[in-house]
Amino acid sequence: LADDGAIYVPISESMPDLSQRERLMPLVGKRASATGTLY
């Protein structure tokens, strides 16, 4: 949830898509910076 209110769904860089849940669970409730490709 970006500061401007936009909601970004995290996806993987590969196709077929791989779950990002394992990477995100330790960050729930925390501020994070994600770098990648925006769609």
PDB file of all heavy atoms in Angstrom:
ATOM      1  N   LEU A   1       0.866  -1.181   0.000  1.00  0.00           N
ATOM      2  CA  LEU A   1       0.000   0.000   0.000  1.00  0.00           C
ATOM      3  C   LEU A   1       0.897   1.223   0.000  1.00  0.00           C
ATOM      4  O   LEU A   1       1.534   1.551   0.999  1.00  0.00           O
ATOM      5  CB  LEU A   1      -0.921  -0.011   1.221  1.00  0.00           C
ATOM      6  CG  LEU A   1      -1.856   1.191   1.395  1.00  0.00           C
ATOM      7  CD1 LEU A   1      -2.788   1.349   0.205  1.00  0.00           C
ATOM      8  CD2 LEU A   1      -2.645   1.048   2.692  1.00  0.00           C
ATOM      9  N   ALA A   2       0.982   1.886  -1.147  1.00  0.00           N
ATOM     10  CA  ALA A   2       1.860   3.046  -1.309  1.00  0.00           C
ATOM     11  C   ALA A   2       1.318   4.235  -0.526  1.00  0.00           C
ATOM     12  O   ALA A   2       0.132   4.297  -0.186  1.00  0.00           O
ATOM     13  CB  ALA A   2       2.000   3.398  -2.787  1.00  0.00           C
ATOM     14  N   ASP A   3       2.197   5.186  -0.267  1.00  0.00           N
ATOM     15  CA  ASP A   3       1.819   6.370   0.495  1.00  0.00           C
ATOM     16  C   ASP A   3       0.732   7.193  -0.180  1.00  0.00           C
ATOM     17  O   ASP A   3      -0.032   7.888   0.480  1.00  0.00           O
ATOM     18  CB  ASP A   3       3.047   7.234   0.778  1.00  0.00           C
ATOM     19  CG  ASP A   3       4.040   6.516   1.681  1.00  0.00           C
ATOM     20  OD1 ASP A   3       3.640   5.643   2.468  1.00  0.00           O
ATOM     21  OD2 ASP A   3       5.236   6.853   1.588  1.00  0.00           O
ATOM     22  N   ASP A   4       0.629   7.106  -1.515  1.00  0.00           N
ATOM     23  CA  ASP A   4      -0.411   7.857  -2.233  1.00  0.00           C
ATOM     24  C   ASP A   4      -1.741   7.100  -2.292  1.00  0.00           C
ATOM     25  O   ASP A   4      -2.691   7.552  -2.914  1.00  0.00           O
ATOM     26  CB  ASP A   4       0.056   8.239  -3.638  1.00  0.00           C
ATOM     27  CG  ASP A   4       0.244   7.035  -4.552  1.00  0.00           C
ATOM     28  OD1 ASP A   4       0.029   5.872  -4.126  1.00  0.00           O
ATOM     29  OD2 ASP A   4       0.623   7.253  -5.718  1.00  0.00           O
ATOM     30  N   GLY A   5      -1.805   5.931  -1.644  1.00  0.00           N
ATOM     31  CA  GLY A   5      -3.033   5.140  -1.598  1.00  0.00           C
ATOM     32  C   GLY A   5      -3.133   4.077  -2.668  1.00  0.00           C
ATOM     33  O   GLY A   5      -4.038   3.243  -2.631  1.00  0.00           O
ATOM     34  N   ALA A   6      -2.225   4.085  -3.631  1.00  0.00           N
ATOM     35  CA  ALA A   6      -2.245   3.056  -4.677  1.00  0.00           C
ATOM     36  C   ALA A   6      -1.872   1.703  -4.077  1.00  0.00           C
ATOM     37  O   ALA A   6      -1.012   1.606  -3.206  1.00  0.00           O
ATOM     38  CB  ALA A   6      -1.275   3.409  -5.799  1.00  0.00           C
ATOM     39  N   ILE A   7      -2.540   0.673  -4.541  1.00  0.00           N
ATOM     40  CA  ILE A   7      -2.287  -0.693  -4.084  1.00  0.00           C
ATOM     41  C   ILE A   7      -1.525  -1.419  -5.179  1.00  0.00           C
ATOM     42  O   ILE A   7      -1.985  -1.500  -6.318  1.00  0.00           O
ATOM     43  CB  ILE A   7      -3.602  -1.417  -3.768  1.00  0.00           C
ATOM     44  CG1 ILE A   7      -4.312  -0.723  -2.598  1.00  0.00           C
ATOM     45  CG2 ILE A   7      -3.357  -2.887  -3.469  1.00  0.00           C
ATOM     46  CD1 ILE A   7      -5.702  -1.237  -2.324  1.00  0.00           C
ATOM     47  N   TYR A   8      -0.347  -1.931  -4.830  1.00  0.00           N
ATOM     48  CA  TYR A   8       0.487  -2.671  -5.774  1.00  0.00           C
ATOM     49  C   TYR A   8       0.471  -4.147  -5.414  1.00  0.00           C
ATOM     50  O   TYR A   8       0.795  -4.521  -4.290  1.00  0.00           O
ATOM     51  CB  TYR A   8       1.934  -2.156  -5.759  1.00  0.00           C
ATOM     52  CG  TYR A   8       2.078  -0.829  -6.440  1.00  0.00           C
ATOM     53  CD1 TYR A   8       1.803   0.352  -5.767  1.00  0.00           C
ATOM     54  CD2 TYR A   8       2.458  -0.753  -7.779  1.00  0.00           C
ATOM     55  CE1 TYR A   8       1.916   1.581  -6.399  1.00  0.00           C
ATOM     56  CE2 TYR A   8       2.569   0.473  -8.419  1.00  0.00           C
ATOM     57  CZ  TYR A   8       2.294   1.637  -7.715  1.00  0.00           C
ATOM     58  OH  TYR A   8       2.398   2.845  -8.348  1.00  0.00           O
ATOM     59  N   VAL A   9       0.112  -4.959  -6.380  1.00  0.00           N
ATOM     60  CA  VAL A   9       0.137  -6.405  -6.216  1.00  0.00           C
ATOM     61  C   VAL A   9       1.550  -6.870  -6.556  1.00  0.00           C
ATOM     62  O   VAL A   9       2.036  -6.616  -7.661  1.00  0.00           O
ATOM     63  CB  VAL A   9      -0.888  -7.086  -7.144  1.00  0.00           C
ATOM     64  CG1 VAL A   9      -0.812  -8.594  -7.024  1.00  0.00           C
ATOM     65  CG2 VAL A   9      -2.291  -6.573  -6.848  1.00  0.00           C
ATOM     66  N   PRO A  10       2.228  -7.531  -5.613  1.00  0.00           N
ATOM     67  CA  PRO A  10       3.571  -8.025  -5.912  1.00  0.00           C
ATOM     68  C   PRO A  10       3.507  -9.310  -6.736  1.00  0.00           C
ATOM     69  O   PRO A  10       2.780 -10.236  -6.397  1.00  0.00           O
ATOM     70  CB  PRO A  10       4.173  -8.287  -4.534  1.00  0.00           C
ATOM     71  CG  PRO A  10       3.014  -8.458  -3.622  1.00  0.00           C
ATOM     72  CD  PRO A  10       1.854  -7.736  -4.227  1.00  0.00           C
ATOM     73  N   ILE A  11       4.230  -9.311  -7.846  1.00  0.00           N
ATOM     74  CA  ILE A  11       4.334 -10.488  -8.698  1.00  0.00           C
ATOM     75  C   ILE A  11       5.810 -10.798  -8.879  1.00  0.00           C
ATOM     76  O   ILE A  11       6.672  -9.995  -8.540  1.00  0.00           O
ATOM     77  CB  ILE A  11       3.622 -10.272 -10.055  1.00  0.00           C
ATOM     78  CG1 ILE A  11       4.228  -9.085 -10.812  1.00  0.00           C
ATOM     79  CG2 ILE A  11       2.125 -10.076  -9.850  1.00  0.00           C
ATOM     80  CD1 ILE A  11       3.643  -8.854 -12.203  1.00  0.00           C
ATOM     81  N   SER A  12       6.093 -11.962  -9.435  1.00  0.00           N
ATOM     82  CA  SER A  12       7.490 -12.325  -9.655  1.00  0.00           C
ATOM     83  C   SER A  12       7.959 -11.790 -10.996  1.00  0.00           C
ATOM     84  O   SER A  12       7.164 -11.349 -11.825  1.00  0.00           O
ATOM     85  CB  SER A  12       7.670 -13.847  -9.588  1.00  0.00           C
ATOM     86  OG  SER A  12       7.081 -14.467 -10.712  1.00  0.00           O
ATOM     87  N   GLU A  13       9.243 -11.859 -11.212  1.00  0.00           N
ATOM     88  CA  GLU A  13       9.821 -11.434 -12.483  1.00  0.00           C
ATOM     89  C   GLU A  13       9.718 -12.527 -13.543  1.00  0.00           C
ATOM     90  O   GLU A  13      10.054 -12.305 -14.688  1.00  0.00           O
ATOM     91  CB  GLU A  13      11.291 -11.065 -12.298  1.00  0.00           C
ATOM     92  CG  GLU A  13      11.517  -9.851 -11.436  1.00  0.00           C
ATOM     93  CD  GLU A  13      12.977  -9.484 -11.351  1.00  0.00           C
ATOM     94  OE1 GLU A  13      13.747 -10.234 -10.713  1.00  0.00           O
ATOM     95  OE2 GLU A  13      13.353  -8.451 -11.940  1.00  0.00           O
ATOM     96  N   SER A  14       9.255 -13.719 -13.147  1.00  0.00           N
ATOM     97  CA  SER A  14       9.237 -14.849 -14.078  1.00  0.00           C
ATOM     98  C   SER A  14       7.815 -15.213 -14.492  1.00  0.00           C
ATOM     99  O   SER A  14       6.853 -14.859 -13.829  1.00  0.00           O
ATOM    100  CB  SER A  14       9.903 -16.061 -13.420  1.00  0.00           C
ATOM    101  OG  SER A  14       9.147 -16.471 -12.292  1.00  0.00           O
ATOM    102  N   MET A  15       7.724 -15.898 -15.602  1.00  0.00           N
ATOM    103  CA  MET A  15       6.471 -16.462 -16.071  1.00  0.00           C
ATOM    104  C   MET A  15       6.690 -17.944 -16.252  1.00  0.00           C
ATOM    105  O   MET A  15       7.642 -18.321 -16.922  1.00  0.00           O
ATOM    106  CB  MET A  15       6.042 -15.853 -17.405  1.00  0.00           C
ATOM    107  CG  MET A  15       5.414 -14.524 -17.256  1.00  0.00           C
ATOM    108  SD  MET A  15       3.876 -14.729 -16.382  1.00  0.00           S
ATOM    109  CE  MET A  15       3.105 -13.196 -16.765  1.00  0.00           C
ATOM    110  N   PRO A  16       5.917 -18.815 -15.687  1.00  0.00           N
ATOM    111  CA  PRO A  16       4.750 -18.491 -14.891  1.00  0.00           C
ATOM    112  C   PRO A  16       5.148 -17.805 -13.580  1.00  0.00           C
ATOM    113  O   PRO A  16       6.254 -17.985 -13.080  1.00  0.00           O
ATOM    114  CB  PRO A  16       4.076 -19.843 -14.639  1.00  0.00           C
ATOM    115  CG  PRO A  16       5.163 -20.848 -14.790  1.00  0.00           C
ATOM    116  CD  PRO A  16       6.149 -20.264 -15.757  1.00  0.00           C
ATOM    117  N   ASP A  17       4.211 -17.035 -13.063  1.00  0.00           N
ATOM    118  CA  ASP A  17       4.430 -16.266 -11.842  1.00  0.00           C
ATOM    119  C   ASP A  17       4.692 -17.188 -10.656  1.00  0.00           C
ATOM    120  O   ASP A  17       4.142 -18.276 -10.570  1.00  0.00           O
ATOM    121  CB  ASP A  17       3.192 -15.409 -11.565  1.00  0.00           C
ATOM    122  CG  ASP A  17       3.399 -14.430 -10.426  1.00  0.00           C
ATOM    123  OD1 ASP A  17       4.488 -13.823 -10.349  1.00  0.00           O
ATOM    124  OD2 ASP A  17       2.474 -14.261  -9.620  1.00  0.00           O
ATOM    125  N   LEU A  18       5.553 -16.728  -9.762  1.00  0.00           N
ATOM    126  CA  LEU A  18       5.850 -17.449  -8.519  1.00  0.00           C
ATOM    127  C   LEU A  18       5.350 -16.608  -7.351  1.00  0.00           C
ATOM    128  O   LEU A  18       5.477 -15.383  -7.352  1.00  0.00           O
ATOM    129  CB  LEU A  18       7.357 -17.677  -8.379  1.00  0.00           C
ATOM    130  CG  LEU A  18       8.020 -18.483  -9.496  1.00  0.00           C
ATOM    131  CD1 LEU A  18       9.528 -18.457  -9.351  1.00  0.00           C
ATOM    132  CD2 LEU A  18       7.495 -19.913  -9.485  1.00  0.00           C
ATOM    133  N   SER A  19       4.826 -17.252  -6.341  1.00  0.00           N
ATOM    134  CA  SER A  19       4.288 -16.556  -5.177  1.00  0.00           C
ATOM    135  C   SER A  19       5.361 -15.714  -4.491  1.00  0.00           C
ATOM    136  O   SER A  19       6.500 -16.149  -4.312  1.00  0.00           O
ATOM    137  CB  SER A  19       3.725 -17.566  -4.175  1.00  0.00           C
ATOM    138  OG  SER A  19       3.320 -16.902  -2.988  1.00  0.00           O
ATOM    139  N   GLN A  20       4.973 -14.516  -4.095  1.00  0.00           N
ATOM    140  CA  GLN A  20       5.868 -13.621  -3.358  1.00  0.00           C
ATOM    141  C   GLN A  20       5.553 -13.636  -1.857  1.00  0.00           C
ATOM    142  O   GLN A  20       6.156 -12.925  -1.075  1.00  0.00           O
ATOM    143  CB  GLN A  20       5.726 -12.196  -3.903  1.00  0.00           C
ATOM    144  CG  GLN A  20       6.119 -12.072  -5.361  1.00  0.00           C
ATOM    145  CD  GLN A  20       7.562 -12.471  -5.579  1.00  0.00           C
ATOM    146  OE1 GLN A  20       8.471 -11.808  -5.118  1.00  0.00           O
ATOM    147  NE2 GLN A  20       7.772 -13.580  -6.271  1.00  0.00           N
ATOM    148  N   ARG A  21       4.601 -14.469  -1.446  1.00  0.00           N
ATOM    149  CA  ARG A  21       4.128 -14.513  -0.061  1.00  0.00           C
ATOM    150  C   ARG A  21       5.250 -14.769   0.939  1.00  0.00           C
ATOM    151  O   ARG A  21       5.327 -14.108   1.968  1.00  0.00           O
ATOM    152  CB  ARG A  21       3.028 -15.568   0.075  1.00  0.00           C
ATOM    153  CG  ARG A  21       2.337 -15.526   1.405  1.00  0.00           C
ATOM    154  CD  ARG A  21       1.097 -16.425   1.397  1.00  0.00           C
ATOM    155  NE  ARG A  21       0.343 -16.220   2.600  1.00  0.00           N
ATOM    156  CZ  ARG A  21      -0.461 -15.209   2.829  1.00  0.00           C
ATOM    157  NH1 ARG A  21      -0.659 -14.302   1.907  1.00  0.00           N
ATOM    158  NH2 ARG A  21      -1.102 -15.087   3.966  1.00  0.00           N
ATOM    159  N   GLU A  22       6.116 -15.710   0.663  1.00  0.00           N
ATOM    160  CA  GLU A  22       7.205 -16.044   1.593  1.00  0.00           C
ATOM    161  C   GLU A  22       8.127 -14.845   1.818  1.00  0.00           C
ATOM    162  O   GLU A  22       8.594 -14.607   2.929  1.00  0.00           O
ATOM    163  CB  GLU A  22       7.997 -17.237   1.050  1.00  0.00           C
ATOM    164  CG  GLU A  22       8.976 -17.805   2.053  1.00  0.00           C
ATOM    165  CD  GLU A  22       9.638 -19.065   1.539  1.00  0.00           C
ATOM    166  OE1 GLU A  22       8.932 -19.944   1.005  1.00  0.00           O
ATOM    167  OE2 GLU A  22      10.876 -19.158   1.676  1.00  0.00           O
ATOM    168  N   ARG A  23       8.365 -14.085   0.771  1.00  0.00           N
ATOM    169  CA  ARG A  23       9.216 -12.885   0.884  1.00  0.00           C
ATOM    170  C   ARG A  23       8.515 -11.776   1.669  1.00  0.00           C
ATOM    171  O   ARG A  23       9.155 -10.969   2.333  1.00  0.00           O
ATOM    172  CB  ARG A  23       9.564 -12.339  -0.499  1.00  0.00           C
ATOM    173  CG  ARG A  23      10.454 -13.234  -1.315  1.00  0.00           C
ATOM    174  CD  ARG A  23      10.609 -12.712  -2.726  1.00  0.00           C
ATOM    175  NE  ARG A  23      11.580 -11.618  -2.796  1.00  0.00           N
ATOM    176  CZ  ARG A  23      11.882 -10.971  -3.904  1.00  0.00           C
ATOM    177  NH1 ARG A  23      11.274 -11.293  -5.039  1.00  0.00           N
ATOM    178  NH2 ARG A  23      12.772 -10.005  -3.909  1.00  0.00           N
ATOM    179  N   LEU A  24       7.177 -11.704   1.560  1.00  0.00           N
ATOM    180  CA  LEU A  24       6.426 -10.604   2.145  1.00  0.00           C
ATOM    181  C   LEU A  24       5.978 -10.834   3.585  1.00  0.00           C
ATOM    182  O   LEU A  24       5.829  -9.867   4.345  1.00  0.00           O
ATOM    183  CB  LEU A  24       5.204 -10.295   1.285  1.00  0.00           C
ATOM    184  CG  LEU A  24       5.517  -9.792  -0.115  1.00  0.00           C
ATOM    185  CD1 LEU A  24       4.257  -9.723  -0.945  1.00  0.00           C
ATOM    186  CD2 LEU A  24       6.192  -8.441  -0.065  1.00  0.00           C
ATOM    187  N   MET A  25       5.735 -12.071   3.989  1.00  0.00           N
ATOM    188  CA  MET A  25       5.205 -12.332   5.338  1.00  0.00           C
ATOM    189  C   MET A  25       6.036 -11.689   6.452  1.00  0.00           C
ATOM    190  O   MET A  25       5.460 -11.100   7.369  1.00  0.00           O
ATOM    191  CB  MET A  25       5.045 -13.832   5.585  1.00  0.00           C
ATOM    192  CG  MET A  25       3.760 -14.415   5.015  1.00  0.00           C
ATOM    193  SD  MET A  25       2.228 -13.667   5.648  1.00  0.00           S
ATOM    194  CE  MET A  25       2.201 -14.233   7.342  1.00  0.00           C
ATOM    195  N   PRO A  26       7.373 -11.745   6.417  1.00  0.00           N
ATOM    196  CA  PRO A  26       8.139 -11.100   7.497  1.00  0.00           C
ATOM    197  C   PRO A  26       8.001  -9.575   7.511  1.00  0.00           C
ATOM    198  O   PRO A  26       8.357  -8.925   8.494  1.00  0.00           O
ATOM    199  CB  PRO A  26       9.591 -11.494   7.202  1.00  0.00           C
ATOM    200  CG  PRO A  26       9.524 -12.647   6.278  1.00  0.00           C
ATOM    201  CD  PRO A  26       8.240 -12.498   5.516  1.00  0.00           C
ATOM    202  N   LEU A  27       7.480  -9.002   6.429  1.00  0.00           N
ATOM    203  CA  LEU A  27       7.361  -7.547   6.320  1.00  0.00           C
ATOM    204  C   LEU A  27       5.946  -7.032   6.588  1.00  0.00           C
ATOM    205  O   LEU A  27       5.719  -5.819   6.535  1.00  0.00           O
ATOM    206  CB  LEU A  27       7.808  -7.099   4.924  1.00  0.00           C
ATOM    207  CG  LEU A  27       9.267  -7.387   4.566  1.00  0.00           C
ATOM    208  CD1 LEU A  27       9.520  -7.091   3.094  1.00  0.00           C
ATOM    209  CD2 LEU A  27      10.194  -6.592   5.452  1.00  0.00           C
ATOM    210  N   VAL A  28       4.988  -7.915   6.871  1.00  0.00           N
ATOM    211  CA  VAL A  28       3.610  -7.469   7.101  1.00  0.00           C
ATOM    212  C   VAL A  28       3.578  -6.484   8.265  1.00  0.00           C
ATOM    213  O   VAL A  28       4.131  -6.731   9.331  1.00  0.00           O
ATOM    214  CB  VAL A  28       2.664  -8.662   7.367  1.00  0.00           C
ATOM    215  CG1 VAL A  28       1.279  -8.170   7.804  1.00  0.00           C
ATOM    216  CG2 VAL A  28       2.551  -9.538   6.134  1.00  0.00           C
ATOM    217  N   GLY A  29       2.946  -5.345   8.026  1.00  0.00           N
ATOM    218  CA  GLY A  29       2.842  -4.309   9.044  1.00  0.00           C
ATOM    219  C   GLY A  29       4.054  -3.400   9.114  1.00  0.00           C
ATOM    220  O   GLY A  29       4.145  -2.529   9.967  1.00  0.00           O
ATOM    221  N   LYS A  30       4.986  -3.587   8.183  1.00  0.00           N
ATOM    222  CA  LYS A  30       6.209  -2.781   8.155  1.00  0.00           C
ATOM    223  C   LYS A  30       6.270  -2.002   6.850  1.00  0.00           C
ATOM    224  O   LYS A  30       5.708  -2.391   5.840  1.00  0.00           O
ATOM    225  CB  LYS A  30       7.437  -3.680   8.281  1.00  0.00           C
ATOM    226  CG  LYS A  30       7.470  -4.445   9.588  1.00  0.00           C
ATOM    227  CD  LYS A  30       8.647  -5.373   9.656  1.00  0.00           C
ATOM    228  CE  LYS A  30       8.619  -6.134  10.975  1.00  0.00           C
ATOM    229  NZ  LYS A  30       9.655  -7.144  11.031  1.00  0.00           N
ATOM    230  N   ARG A  31       7.003  -0.914   6.896  1.00  0.00           N
ATOM    231  CA  ARG A  31       7.253  -0.138   5.679  1.00  0.00           C
ATOM    232  C   ARG A  31       8.337  -0.834   4.879  1.00  0.00           C
ATOM    233  O   ARG A  31       9.302  -1.336   5.434  1.00  0.00           O
ATOM    234  CB  ARG A  31       7.663   1.282   6.027  1.00  0.00           C
ATOM    235  CG  ARG A  31       6.504   2.062   6.648  1.00  0.00           C
ATOM    236  CD  ARG A  31       6.807   3.532   6.797  1.00  0.00           C
ATOM    237  NE  ARG A  31       7.192   4.181   5.549  1.00  0.00           N
ATOM    238  CZ  ARG A  31       6.343   4.506   4.569  1.00  0.00           C
ATOM    239  NH1 ARG A  31       5.073   4.223   4.689  1.00  0.00           N
ATOM    240  NH2 ARG A  31       6.777   5.115   3.485  1.00  0.00           N
ATOM    241  N   ALA A  32       8.157  -0.850   3.581  1.00  0.00           N
ATOM    242  CA  ALA A  32       9.119  -1.526   2.723  1.00  0.00           C
ATOM    243  C   ALA A  32       9.327  -0.728   1.452  1.00  0.00           C
ATOM    244  O   ALA A  32       8.513   0.106   1.068  1.00  0.00           O
ATOM    245  CB  ALA A  32       8.625  -2.926   2.381  1.00  0.00           C
ATOM    246  N   SER A  33      10.447  -1.005   0.818  1.00  0.00           N
ATOM    247  CA  SER A  33      10.770  -0.437  -0.477  1.00  0.00           C
ATOM    248  C   SER A  33      10.958  -1.602  -1.439  1.00  0.00           C
ATOM    249  O   SER A  33      11.785  -2.483  -1.191  1.00  0.00           O
ATOM    250  CB  SER A  33      12.053   0.396  -0.381  1.00  0.00           C
ATOM    251  OG  SER A  33      12.399   0.914  -1.652  1.00  0.00           O
ATOM    252  N   ALA A  34      10.175  -1.609  -2.496  1.00  0.00           N
ATOM    253  CA  ALA A  34      10.266  -2.664  -3.501  1.00  0.00           C
ATOM    254  C   ALA A  34      10.738  -2.050  -4.812  1.00  0.00           C
ATOM    255  O   ALA A  34      10.215  -1.029  -5.255  1.00  0.00           O
ATOM    256  CB  ALA A  34       8.915  -3.341  -3.690  1.00  0.00           C
ATOM    257  N   THR A  35      11.729  -2.676  -5.403  1.00  0.00           N
ATOM    258  CA  THR A  35      12.270  -2.242  -6.684  1.00  0.00           C
ATOM    259  C   THR A  35      12.004  -3.338  -7.703  1.00  0.00           C
ATOM    260  O   THR A  35      12.128  -4.523  -7.394  1.00  0.00           O
ATOM    261  CB  THR A  35      13.782  -1.977  -6.572  1.00  0.00           C
ATOM    262  OG1 THR A  35      13.993  -0.994  -5.564  1.00  0.00           O
ATOM    263  CG2 THR A  35      14.364  -1.480  -7.874  1.00  0.00           C
ATOM    264  N   GLY A  36      11.631  -2.933  -8.901  1.00  0.00           N
ATOM    265  CA  GLY A  36      11.356  -3.904  -9.952  1.00  0.00           C
ATOM    266  C   GLY A  36      10.717  -3.236 -11.137  1.00  0.00           C
ATOM    267  O   GLY A  36      10.989  -2.072 -11.431  1.00  0.00           O
ATOM    268  N   THR A  37       9.838  -3.968 -11.793  1.00  0.00           N
ATOM    269  CA  THR A  37       9.139  -3.450 -12.965  1.00  0.00           C
ATOM    270  C   THR A  37       7.694  -3.176 -12.590  1.00  0.00           C
ATOM    271  O   THR A  37       7.006  -4.049 -12.074  1.00  0.00           O
ATOM    272  CB  THR A  37       9.213  -4.461 -14.125  1.00  0.00           C
ATOM    273  OG1 THR A  37      10.583  -4.772 -14.376  1.00  0.00           O
ATOM    274  CG2 THR A  37       8.587  -3.892 -15.381  1.00  0.00           C
ATOM    275  N   LEU A  38       7.247  -1.937 -12.851  1.00  0.00           N
ATOM    276  CA  LEU A  38       5.890  -1.517 -12.530  1.00  0.00           C
ATOM    277  C   LEU A  38       4.981  -1.728 -13.730  1.00  0.00           C
ATOM    278  O   LEU A  38       5.361  -1.433 -14.866  1.00  0.00           O
ATOM    279  CB  LEU A  38       5.869  -0.039 -12.146  1.00  0.00           C
ATOM    280  CG  LEU A  38       6.802   0.381 -11.010  1.00  0.00           C
ATOM    281  CD1 LEU A  38       6.768   1.896 -10.843  1.00  0.00           C
ATOM    282  CD2 LEU A  38       6.422  -0.305  -9.725  1.00  0.00           C
ATOM    283  N   TYR A  39       3.769  -2.243 -13.451  1.00  0.00           N
ATOM    284  CA  TYR A  39       2.770  -2.458 -14.487  1.00  0.00           C
ATOM    285  C   TYR A  39       1.456  -1.830 -14.046  1.00  0.00           C
ATOM    286  O   TYR A  39       1.145  -1.783 -12.856  1.00  0.00           O
ATOM    287  CB  TYR A  39       2.520  -3.960 -14.711  1.00  0.00           C
ATOM    288  CG  TYR A  39       3.708  -4.695 -15.245  1.00  0.00           C
ATOM    289  CD1 TYR A  39       4.594  -5.332 -14.382  1.00  0.00           C
ATOM    290  CD2 TYR A  39       3.947  -4.764 -16.609  1.00  0.00           C
ATOM    291  CE1 TYR A  39       5.693  -6.016 -14.868  1.00  0.00           C
ATOM    292  CE2 TYR A  39       5.048  -5.450 -17.107  1.00  0.00           C
ATOM    293  CZ  TYR A  39       5.912  -6.070 -16.226  1.00  0.00           C
ATOM    294  OH  TYR A  39       6.994  -6.748 -16.717  1.00  0.00           O
TER     295      TYR A  39
END
